[in-house]
């Protein structure tokens, strides 16, 4: 399919696509849209940035327009679940853009904001509801939403929801949905748990896969910099200043929220404007920072994995993994923020000694070795020869045995005192003879006598004493 006109979409949708300058569909759109228009369930595997949102939004809008029904209060016809607030907001924007001439109603249900506005928006029912699983269940438990009228269910970034622990919530949501529905299931990777979930939710689905699982975009230039942990902040400053001429926007990933804030402070101290976005920020703060990054007012954004698939910003030229992810699939999703819509991108990862095992897992997943450079201090061994595990502890921690001692080349004693006396002779001191010891008594005999004397004293200490009740001191009265 070389044009959107070949799909036979409704005229209002075709007009909106022309206004959005959509001309040629992407591979995931070419394969998904005709199948979804027929009403079949779809399971799609595709990387981020391949046009998945339009692949499920357009056929759903087309089917809604072809079969309009009155909305019931506190209900929705289309339910879209996504893992993050940012991604949910972007999905809603796409539905509103494609359906601007279709007279549809749509709203958002996400955490981090007061629930009252969302409750009021659902009062009279909506065509499309985009939600995160946690807030959706809050609305259902509060009797603000009923799910018995859902005709279309979309799960976007299903593997990310698995990583974030939403699978139990998803099962609760699916249990409340009608069995007669169309389900569209999308994921960038397909681990076993996701495959099992899809098998339970979908009926005779059509499988769509446009890229190998867990592969990385060909237009992304990847490289690794081996660096000491403490040198990462300085290395990041050097990198950003060195790449400033070719860098449009840089997205930097850290493993923790506290780490993201520390990176922001170090960049600001070096004179590089930067902001952070993570789960501890309020929704208003996150929206403000993301809008500034999208507009170019902020060129450097530090984020945790919560935003790895929730940031859809054109013009991200560089992705930097300040911390390598401990989940190898997250690496694919992180660097997928660049090289979008046919552009090229650069992905640079810092790797310290504790992260080499993560790097090995990533290279195994993507089935490729990432070019690397070594910027560690000291005189390190070649990276390829190093082990990805902790060094073994020494088995013999005491003094070496006679066989383990190596003779000195000159034949002299190994340790000499400054005055020339051997260490063993220098350490000898006259010992006072215990009382009652004869001159011929050996040390072993002394030790044995002392041991028996101490035992006799302890036996004397435990000699039974008669109490007033006639029992010995250590026996309990029966």
Protein backbone atom coordinates (compact mmCIF):
# COMPACT_ATOMS: atom_id res chain seq x y z
CA UNK A 1 0.00 0.00 0.00
CA UNK A 2 1.63 3.25 -1.14
CA UNK A 3 -1.05 5.72 -0.05
CA UNK A 4 -3.61 6.15 2.74
CA UNK A 5 -6.29 6.55 0.08
CA UNK A 6 -6.05 2.84 -0.69
CA UNK A 7 -7.44 1.90 2.75
CA UNK A 8 -10.87 3.28 1.95
CA UNK A 9 -11.07 5.32 5.14
CA UNK A 10 -14.04 7.61 5.80
CA UNK A 11 -13.81 11.02 4.15
CA UNK A 12 -13.41 13.00 7.42
CA UNK A 13 -10.44 10.82 8.32
CA UNK A 14 -8.85 11.15 4.89
CA UNK A 15 -9.22 14.94 5.12
CA UNK A 16 -7.57 15.03 8.54
CA UNK A 17 -4.69 12.88 7.29
CA UNK A 18 -4.13 15.27 4.39
CA UNK A 19 -4.02 18.17 6.85
CA UNK A 20 -1.44 16.25 8.90
CA UNK A 21 0.63 15.65 5.73
CA UNK A 22 0.27 11.87 5.99
CA UNK A 23 1.02 10.51 2.52
CA UNK A 24 2.71 7.09 2.67
CA UNK A 25 1.81 4.61 5.42
CA UNK A 26 4.51 2.89 7.43
CA UNK A 27 4.91 -0.91 7.29
CA UNK A 28 3.02 -1.45 10.56
CA UNK A 29 0.17 0.72 9.26
CA UNK A 30 0.12 -1.04 5.90
CA UNK A 31 -0.30 -4.44 7.56
CA UNK A 32 -2.56 -3.52 10.48
CA UNK A 33 -5.17 -1.09 9.12
CA UNK A 34 -6.85 -3.43 6.56
CA UNK A 35 -7.06 -6.28 9.08
CA UNK A 36 -8.41 -4.07 11.87
CA UNK A 37 -11.04 -2.52 9.57
CA UNK A 38 -12.40 -6.04 9.02
CA UNK A 39 -12.93 -6.36 12.79
CA UNK A 40 -10.29 -9.00 13.53
CA UNK A 41 -8.14 -9.04 16.65
CA UNK A 42 -4.54 -8.02 16.03
CA UNK A 43 -1.30 -8.71 17.86
CA UNK A 44 1.43 -6.41 16.58
CA UNK A 45 5.15 -6.39 17.32
CA UNK A 46 6.88 -3.19 16.30
CA UNK A 47 9.45 -0.81 17.67
CA UNK A 48 8.55 2.58 19.05
CA UNK A 49 8.40 5.34 16.48
CA UNK A 50 7.02 3.13 13.70
CA UNK A 51 3.52 4.65 13.59
CA UNK A 52 1.66 2.22 15.83
CA UNK A 53 -0.76 4.86 17.13
CA UNK A 54 -2.17 5.60 13.69
CA UNK A 55 -2.22 1.85 12.96
CA UNK A 56 -4.89 1.27 15.63
CA UNK A 57 -6.50 4.72 15.86
CA UNK A 58 -7.52 5.04 12.20
CA UNK A 59 -9.40 1.71 11.83
CA UNK A 60 -11.15 2.24 15.18
CA UNK A 61 -12.31 5.72 14.18
CA UNK A 62 -13.46 4.37 10.82
CA UNK A 63 -15.57 1.66 12.47
CA UNK A 64 -17.06 4.06 15.03
CA UNK A 65 -18.17 6.42 12.28
CA UNK A 66 -19.68 3.53 10.30
CA UNK A 67 -21.74 2.35 13.28
CA UNK A 68 -22.65 5.18 15.61
CA UNK A 69 -24.67 4.30 18.71
CA UNK A 70 -25.96 6.53 21.52
CA UNK A 71 -23.54 6.86 24.40
CA UNK A 72 -24.57 5.68 27.84
CA UNK A 73 -23.65 7.52 31.00
CA UNK A 74 -20.39 6.58 32.68
CA UNK A 75 -19.33 4.43 29.76
CA UNK A 76 -16.94 4.40 26.79
CA UNK A 77 -16.89 2.59 23.45
CA UNK A 78 -13.09 2.56 23.01
CA UNK A 79 -10.68 1.83 25.86
CA UNK A 80 -6.96 2.40 25.29
CA UNK A 81 -4.53 1.35 28.03
CA UNK A 82 -0.96 2.63 28.10
CA UNK A 83 1.78 2.45 30.76
CA UNK A 84 2.62 6.13 31.30
CA UNK A 85 0.88 9.47 31.59
CA UNK A 86 2.94 11.03 28.81
CA UNK A 87 2.20 8.25 26.35
CA UNK A 88 -1.50 8.37 27.23
CA UNK A 89 -1.61 12.09 26.53
CA UNK A 90 0.08 11.65 23.17
CA UNK A 91 -2.32 8.87 22.17
CA UNK A 92 -5.28 11.12 23.00
CA UNK A 93 -3.79 13.93 20.94
CA UNK A 94 -3.49 11.58 17.96
CA UNK A 95 -7.13 10.46 18.25
CA UNK A 96 -8.28 14.08 18.41
CA UNK A 97 -6.10 15.04 15.43
CA UNK A 98 -7.30 12.19 13.21
CA UNK A 99 -10.94 12.62 14.29
CA UNK A 100 -11.13 16.41 14.22
CA UNK A 101 -13.84 16.24 11.52
CA UNK A 102 -15.59 13.15 12.89
CA UNK A 103 -17.42 14.68 15.89
CA UNK A 104 -16.07 12.27 18.47
CA UNK A 105 -15.69 12.71 22.21
CA UNK A 106 -12.52 11.61 23.98
CA UNK A 107 -10.95 12.08 27.40
CA UNK A 108 -7.97 11.10 29.50
CA UNK A 109 -7.80 9.18 32.80
CA UNK A 110 -4.33 9.26 34.35
CA UNK A 111 -2.84 9.56 37.82
CA UNK A 112 -1.04 12.56 39.25
CA UNK A 113 -4.00 14.92 38.76
CA UNK A 114 -7.30 15.36 40.68
CA UNK A 115 -9.94 12.80 39.78
CA UNK A 116 -12.89 15.19 39.89
CA UNK A 117 -12.42 16.56 36.38
CA UNK A 118 -12.14 13.04 34.97
CA UNK A 119 -15.31 11.96 36.78
CA UNK A 120 -17.23 14.90 35.28
CA UNK A 121 -15.90 14.16 31.79
CA UNK A 122 -17.22 10.59 32.01
CA UNK A 123 -20.62 11.58 33.40
CA UNK A 124 -22.41 11.51 30.03
CA UNK A 125 -20.18 8.87 28.43
CA UNK A 126 -17.41 9.24 25.84
CA UNK A 127 -16.45 7.58 22.58
CA UNK A 128 -12.77 7.14 23.46
CA UNK A 129 -11.09 6.82 26.84
CA UNK A 130 -7.28 6.69 27.08
CA UNK A 131 -6.11 5.63 30.53
CA UNK A 132 -3.38 4.22 32.69
CA UNK A 133 -4.42 1.00 34.49
CA UNK A 134 -4.22 2.33 38.05
CA UNK A 135 -6.41 5.40 37.57
CA UNK A 136 -8.87 3.41 35.45
CA UNK A 137 -9.47 0.95 38.29
CA UNK A 138 -9.87 3.87 40.72
CA UNK A 139 -12.67 5.25 38.55
CA UNK A 140 -14.33 1.84 38.29
CA UNK A 141 -14.20 1.27 42.05
CA UNK A 142 -15.60 4.75 42.61
CA UNK A 143 -18.59 3.97 40.37
CA UNK A 144 -17.56 6.74 38.00
CA UNK A 145 -17.07 4.35 35.06
CA UNK A 146 -18.63 1.15 33.80
CA UNK A 147 -16.81 -1.08 31.31
CA UNK A 148 -19.71 -3.20 30.07
CA UNK A 149 -20.14 -1.13 26.88
CA UNK A 150 -16.58 -1.32 25.55
CA UNK A 151 -16.48 -2.41 21.89
CA UNK A 152 -12.76 -1.84 21.26
CA UNK A 153 -9.81 -2.52 23.58
CA UNK A 154 -6.27 -1.41 22.79
CA UNK A 155 -3.20 -2.36 24.82
CA UNK A 156 -0.23 -0.25 23.79
CA UNK A 157 3.30 -1.03 24.99
CA UNK A 158 2.14 -4.21 26.70
CA UNK A 159 5.65 -5.34 27.60
CA UNK A 160 6.33 -2.04 29.33
CA UNK A 161 3.20 -2.54 31.43
CA UNK A 162 4.57 -5.95 32.36
CA UNK A 163 7.85 -4.36 33.50
CA UNK A 164 5.97 -1.79 35.59
CA UNK A 165 3.87 -4.42 37.34
CA UNK A 166 0.52 -3.59 35.71
CA UNK A 167 -0.31 -7.11 34.56
CA UNK A 168 -2.50 -7.83 37.58
CA UNK A 169 -4.42 -4.58 37.00
CA UNK A 170 -4.87 -5.44 33.33
CA UNK A 171 -6.34 -8.82 34.20
CA UNK A 172 -8.83 -7.10 36.50
CA UNK A 173 -9.83 -4.67 33.74
CA UNK A 174 -10.22 -7.41 31.11
CA UNK A 175 -12.44 -9.42 33.47
CA UNK A 176 -14.95 -6.52 33.49
CA UNK A 177 -15.11 -6.13 29.69
CA UNK A 178 -17.66 -7.73 27.34
CA UNK A 179 -16.45 -10.88 25.66
CA UNK A 180 -17.72 -9.63 22.30
CA UNK A 181 -15.16 -6.94 21.48
CA UNK A 182 -12.26 -6.23 19.17
CA UNK A 183 -8.83 -6.27 20.82
CA UNK A 184 -5.69 -4.72 19.38
CA UNK A 185 -2.53 -5.72 21.24
CA UNK A 186 0.80 -3.97 20.58
CA UNK A 187 4.23 -4.56 22.07
CA UNK A 188 7.81 -3.78 21.15
CA UNK A 189 8.99 -7.16 22.47
CA UNK A 190 7.25 -10.45 23.14
CA UNK A 191 8.45 -12.13 26.35
CA UNK A 192 6.74 -15.32 27.45
CA UNK A 193 4.48 -13.61 30.00
CA UNK A 194 3.16 -11.21 27.35
CA UNK A 195 2.55 -14.05 24.89
CA UNK A 196 0.50 -15.87 27.53
CA UNK A 197 -1.51 -12.73 28.30
CA UNK A 198 -2.22 -12.17 24.61
CA UNK A 199 -3.37 -15.75 24.25
CA UNK A 200 -5.93 -15.24 27.02
CA UNK A 201 -7.26 -11.92 25.71
CA UNK A 202 -7.39 -12.32 21.93
CA UNK A 203 -9.55 -14.53 19.72
CA UNK A 204 -7.92 -15.93 16.59
CA UNK A 205 -5.69 -12.86 16.21
CA UNK A 206 -3.80 -11.82 13.12
CA UNK A 207 -0.09 -11.43 13.85
CA UNK A 208 1.76 -8.42 12.51
CA UNK A 209 5.51 -8.04 12.91
CA UNK A 210 7.51 -5.50 10.97
CA UNK A 211 10.89 -5.86 12.71
CA UNK A 212 12.69 -8.68 14.52
CA UNK A 213 11.98 -8.76 18.22
CA UNK A 214 14.27 -6.55 20.31
CA UNK A 215 16.23 -5.25 17.31
CA UNK A 216 17.46 -1.67 17.20
CA UNK A 217 16.81 0.83 14.46
CA UNK A 218 19.34 0.69 11.65
CA UNK A 219 19.57 4.48 11.48
CA UNK A 220 20.91 4.76 15.05
CA UNK A 221 24.67 4.96 15.47
CA UNK A 222 25.45 3.20 18.75
CA UNK A 223 28.60 3.25 20.84
CA UNK A 224 29.71 2.53 24.39
CA UNK A 225 32.18 4.46 26.54
CA UNK A 226 33.78 2.44 29.34
CA UNK A 227 34.30 4.87 32.20
CA UNK A 228 34.76 4.88 35.97
CA UNK A 229 31.56 5.44 37.93
CA UNK A 230 32.78 8.63 39.56
CA UNK A 231 33.88 10.09 36.22
CA UNK A 232 30.46 9.82 34.56
CA UNK A 233 29.30 13.42 35.34
CA UNK A 234 32.49 14.94 33.90
CA UNK A 235 32.29 12.61 30.89
CA UNK A 236 28.71 13.71 30.23
CA UNK A 237 29.68 17.38 30.32
CA UNK A 238 32.57 16.70 27.93
CA UNK A 239 30.25 14.76 25.61
CA UNK A 240 27.51 17.39 25.49
CA UNK A 241 29.97 20.20 24.84
CA UNK A 242 31.82 18.18 22.21
CA UNK A 243 28.64 17.20 20.36
CA UNK A 244 26.97 20.63 20.64
CA UNK A 245 27.30 21.41 16.92
CA UNK A 246 25.47 18.27 15.79
CA UNK A 247 23.18 17.89 18.79
CA UNK A 248 19.63 19.18 18.39
CA UNK A 249 18.05 17.66 21.51
CA UNK A 250 19.61 15.18 23.94
CA UNK A 251 17.64 12.74 26.08
CA UNK A 252 19.67 11.32 28.98
CA UNK A 253 18.50 8.27 30.92
CA UNK A 254 19.33 7.44 34.52
CA UNK A 255 18.29 4.39 36.53
CA UNK A 256 16.86 6.28 39.52
CA UNK A 257 14.93 9.47 40.21
CA UNK A 258 17.60 10.69 42.64
CA UNK A 259 20.23 10.03 40.00
CA UNK A 260 18.32 12.15 37.47
CA UNK A 261 18.24 15.09 39.87
CA UNK A 262 21.98 14.74 40.56
CA UNK A 263 22.76 14.80 36.84
CA UNK A 264 20.70 17.99 36.43
CA UNK A 265 22.67 19.68 39.24
CA UNK A 266 26.03 18.68 37.73
CA UNK A 267 25.02 19.97 34.28
CA UNK A 268 23.72 23.26 35.65
CA UNK A 269 26.98 23.67 37.58
CA UNK A 270 28.86 23.21 34.28
CA UNK A 271 26.68 25.84 32.59
CA UNK A 272 24.49 23.44 30.59
CA UNK A 273 20.73 24.09 30.96
CA UNK A 274 18.84 20.89 31.77
CA UNK A 275 15.62 19.61 33.35
CA UNK A 276 14.51 16.26 34.76
CA UNK A 277 11.30 14.32 34.31
CA UNK A 278 10.41 11.36 36.53
CA UNK A 279 7.75 9.91 38.80
CA UNK A 280 8.41 12.27 41.72
CA UNK A 281 7.51 15.28 39.59
CA UNK A 282 3.90 16.45 39.57
CA UNK A 283 1.90 16.06 36.40
CA UNK A 284 1.96 19.82 35.80
CA UNK A 285 5.74 19.89 36.16
CA UNK A 286 6.15 16.98 33.78
CA UNK A 287 3.88 18.56 31.18
CA UNK A 288 5.66 21.91 31.46
CA UNK A 289 9.13 20.38 31.07
CA UNK A 290 8.05 18.12 28.21
CA UNK A 291 6.44 21.05 26.38
CA UNK A 292 9.62 23.11 26.74
CA UNK A 293 11.70 20.19 25.45
CA UNK A 294 9.35 19.69 22.50
CA UNK A 295 9.51 23.39 21.60
CA UNK A 296 13.30 23.50 21.88
CA UNK A 297 13.42 25.83 24.87
CA UNK A 298 15.23 23.02 26.71
CA UNK A 299 17.71 20.99 24.68
CA UNK A 300 18.82 18.56 27.40
CA UNK A 301 16.29 16.40 29.25
CA UNK A 302 17.14 13.81 31.92
CA UNK A 303 14.58 11.05 32.41
CA UNK A 304 14.06 7.69 34.07
CA UNK A 305 12.62 4.65 32.32
CA UNK A 306 9.09 5.80 33.16
CA UNK A 307 9.45 8.16 30.21
CA UNK A 308 11.31 5.76 27.93
CA UNK A 309 8.20 5.12 25.84
CA UNK A 310 6.20 8.17 26.82
CA UNK A 311 8.26 10.81 25.04
CA UNK A 312 7.34 11.19 21.39
CA UNK A 313 9.33 14.24 20.38
CA UNK A 314 10.64 14.83 16.89
CA UNK A 315 14.19 16.08 16.64
CA UNK A 316 15.87 14.07 19.41
CA UNK A 317 19.29 13.64 17.85
CA UNK A 318 21.11 12.00 20.79
CA UNK A 319 20.16 9.50 23.47
CA UNK A 320 22.66 9.02 26.31
CA UNK A 321 22.44 6.14 28.75
CA UNK A 322 24.10 7.68 31.80
CA UNK A 323 23.25 4.39 33.56
CA UNK A 324 22.87 1.20 31.55
CA UNK A 325 19.47 -0.41 32.17
CA UNK A 326 19.44 -3.69 34.08
CA UNK A 327 16.61 -4.91 31.83
CA UNK A 328 18.08 -5.36 28.33
CA UNK A 329 14.75 -4.69 26.56
CA UNK A 330 14.71 -1.22 28.11
CA UNK A 331 17.82 -0.38 26.09
CA UNK A 332 15.87 -0.89 22.88
CA UNK A 333 13.04 1.33 24.10
CA UNK A 334 15.40 4.04 25.32
CA UNK A 335 17.35 4.49 22.13
CA UNK A 336 14.09 4.27 20.16
CA UNK A 337 13.45 7.87 21.22
CA UNK A 338 15.85 8.98 18.47
CA UNK A 339 15.88 8.27 14.72
CA UNK A 340 12.12 8.68 14.48
CA UNK A 341 10.13 9.40 11.33
CA UNK A 342 13.01 8.46 9.05
CA UNK A 343 15.65 10.61 10.76
CA UNK A 344 19.06 9.47 11.97
CA UNK A 345 20.22 9.40 15.56
CA UNK A 346 23.09 8.69 17.95
CA UNK A 347 22.93 6.50 21.07
CA UNK A 348 25.84 6.69 23.52
CA UNK A 349 26.03 4.54 26.65
CA UNK A 350 28.32 4.92 29.66
CA UNK A 351 29.42 1.62 31.18
CA UNK A 352 31.24 1.30 34.49
CA UNK A 353 32.73 -1.85 36.01
CA UNK A 354 29.48 -2.89 37.69
CA UNK A 355 27.49 -2.55 34.46
CA UNK A 356 29.50 -4.76 32.15
CA UNK A 357 27.14 -7.67 32.79
CA UNK A 358 24.23 -5.43 31.68
CA UNK A 359 26.13 -4.58 28.50
CA UNK A 360 26.70 -8.26 27.78
CA UNK A 361 22.96 -8.96 28.16
CA UNK A 362 22.10 -6.06 25.85
CA UNK A 363 24.47 -7.22 23.12
CA UNK A 364 23.08 -10.73 23.43
CA UNK A 365 19.53 -9.42 23.03
CA UNK A 366 20.20 -7.23 19.99
CA UNK A 367 22.53 -9.85 18.51
CA UNK A 368 25.30 -7.34 17.84
CA UNK A 369 28.45 -6.06 19.47
CA UNK A 370 28.35 -2.33 20.15
CA UNK A 371 31.57 -0.44 19.29
CA UNK A 372 33.29 0.82 22.43
CA UNK A 373 36.05 3.10 23.64
CA UNK A 374 37.90 2.93 26.97
CA UNK A 375 38.15 6.12 29.03
CA UNK A 376 38.88 4.52 32.39
CA UNK A 377 41.70 5.83 34.54
CA UNK A 378 44.79 3.84 35.47
CA UNK A 379 46.11 1.04 33.30
CA UNK A 380 43.04 -1.15 32.57
CA UNK A 381 43.05 -4.48 30.81
CA UNK A 382 41.47 -4.73 27.35
CA UNK A 383 37.70 -4.65 27.64
CA UNK A 384 37.19 -7.86 25.70
CA UNK A 385 39.38 -9.81 28.11
CA UNK A 386 37.69 -8.66 31.30
CA UNK A 387 35.24 -10.78 33.22
CA UNK A 388 31.68 -9.64 33.90
CA UNK A 389 31.58 -10.87 37.47
CA UNK A 390 33.10 -10.10 40.82
CA UNK A 391 36.70 -11.24 41.40
CA UNK A 392 37.18 -14.36 43.45
CA UNK A 393 38.04 -13.94 47.09
CA UNK A 394 41.40 -15.29 48.21
CA UNK A 395 41.06 -18.70 49.71
CA UNK A 396 44.12 -18.41 52.02
CA UNK A 397 43.79 -15.25 54.07
CA UNK A 398 46.42 -16.18 56.72
CA UNK A 399 50.18 -16.31 56.44
CA UNK A 400 51.42 -18.19 53.39
CA UNK A 401 52.66 -21.70 53.84
CA UNK A 402 56.26 -22.65 53.39
CA UNK A 403 55.51 -23.81 49.84
CA UNK A 404 53.82 -20.48 48.98
CA UNK A 405 56.75 -18.35 50.11
CA UNK A 406 58.94 -17.36 47.24
CA UNK A 407 62.70 -17.02 47.96
CA UNK A 408 64.32 -13.69 47.34
CA UNK A 409 66.59 -13.55 44.28
CA UNK A 410 69.67 -12.69 46.38
CA UNK A 411 69.08 -15.53 48.83
CA UNK A 412 68.79 -13.16 51.81
CA UNK A 413 66.10 -13.64 54.50
CA UNK A 414 62.77 -12.16 53.44
CA UNK A 415 62.31 -9.77 56.35
CA UNK A 416 65.13 -8.10 58.28
CA UNK A 417 64.96 -5.60 61.08
CA UNK A 418 66.81 -2.31 60.63
CA UNK A 419 69.50 -3.48 63.07
CA UNK A 420 70.11 -6.60 60.99
CA UNK A 421 68.52 -9.08 63.40
CA UNK A 422 66.12 -11.56 61.84
CA UNK A 423 62.42 -10.94 62.49
CA UNK A 424 61.97 -14.24 64.37
CA UNK A 425 64.87 -13.55 66.77
CA UNK A 426 63.83 -9.94 67.30
CA UNK A 427 60.33 -11.06 68.28
CA UNK A 428 61.54 -13.38 71.05
CA UNK A 429 60.98 -12.05 74.55
CA UNK A 430 61.84 -13.61 77.94
CA UNK A 431 58.77 -15.19 79.46
CA UNK A 432 58.08 -15.14 83.18
CA UNK A 433 57.92 -18.61 84.69
CA UNK A 434 54.53 -19.31 86.29
CA UNK A 435 54.56 -20.01 89.99
CA UNK A 436 55.29 -23.64 90.73
CA UNK A 437 56.82 -24.36 87.32
CA UNK A 438 60.11 -26.16 87.34
CA UNK A 439 62.81 -25.33 84.90
CA UNK A 440 62.22 -28.51 82.91
CA UNK A 441 58.49 -28.11 82.50
CA UNK A 442 57.41 -27.80 78.86
CA UNK A 443 54.85 -25.34 77.51
CA UNK A 444 52.47 -28.16 76.58
CA UNK A 445 52.54 -29.45 80.13
CA UNK A 446 51.86 -25.95 81.44
CA UNK A 447 48.87 -25.61 79.11
CA UNK A 448 47.39 -28.94 80.22
CA UNK A 449 47.78 -28.14 83.93
CA UNK A 450 46.21 -24.71 83.49
CA UNK A 451 43.27 -26.21 81.61
CA UNK A 452 42.59 -28.76 84.41
CA UNK A 453 42.85 -26.05 87.05
CA UNK A 454 40.30 -23.87 85.24
CA UNK A 455 37.96 -26.88 84.90
CA UNK A 456 38.27 -27.62 88.60
CA UNK A 457 37.41 -24.02 89.47
CA UNK A 458 34.32 -24.13 87.24
CA UNK A 459 33.28 -27.42 88.89
CA UNK A 460 33.69 -25.81 92.32
CA UNK A 461 31.54 -22.88 91.16
CA UNK A 462 28.73 -25.29 90.19
CA UNK A 463 28.85 -27.26 93.48
CA UNK A 464 25.18 -27.80 94.44
CA UNK A 465 23.85 -25.59 97.19
CA UNK A 466 20.91 -26.66 99.30
CA UNK A 467 18.06 -24.21 99.39
CA UNK A 468 15.23 -23.70 101.79
CA UNK A 469 13.00 -25.96 99.68
CA UNK A 470 15.45 -28.85 99.87
CA UNK A 471 16.35 -28.74 96.14
CA UNK A 472 19.69 -28.05 94.58
CA UNK A 473 20.28 -24.58 93.14
CA UNK A 474 20.25 -25.65 89.45
CA UNK A 475 17.26 -27.96 89.58
CA UNK A 476 13.73 -26.69 89.20
CA UNK A 477 11.07 -27.72 91.68
CA UNK A 478 8.83 -30.33 90.07
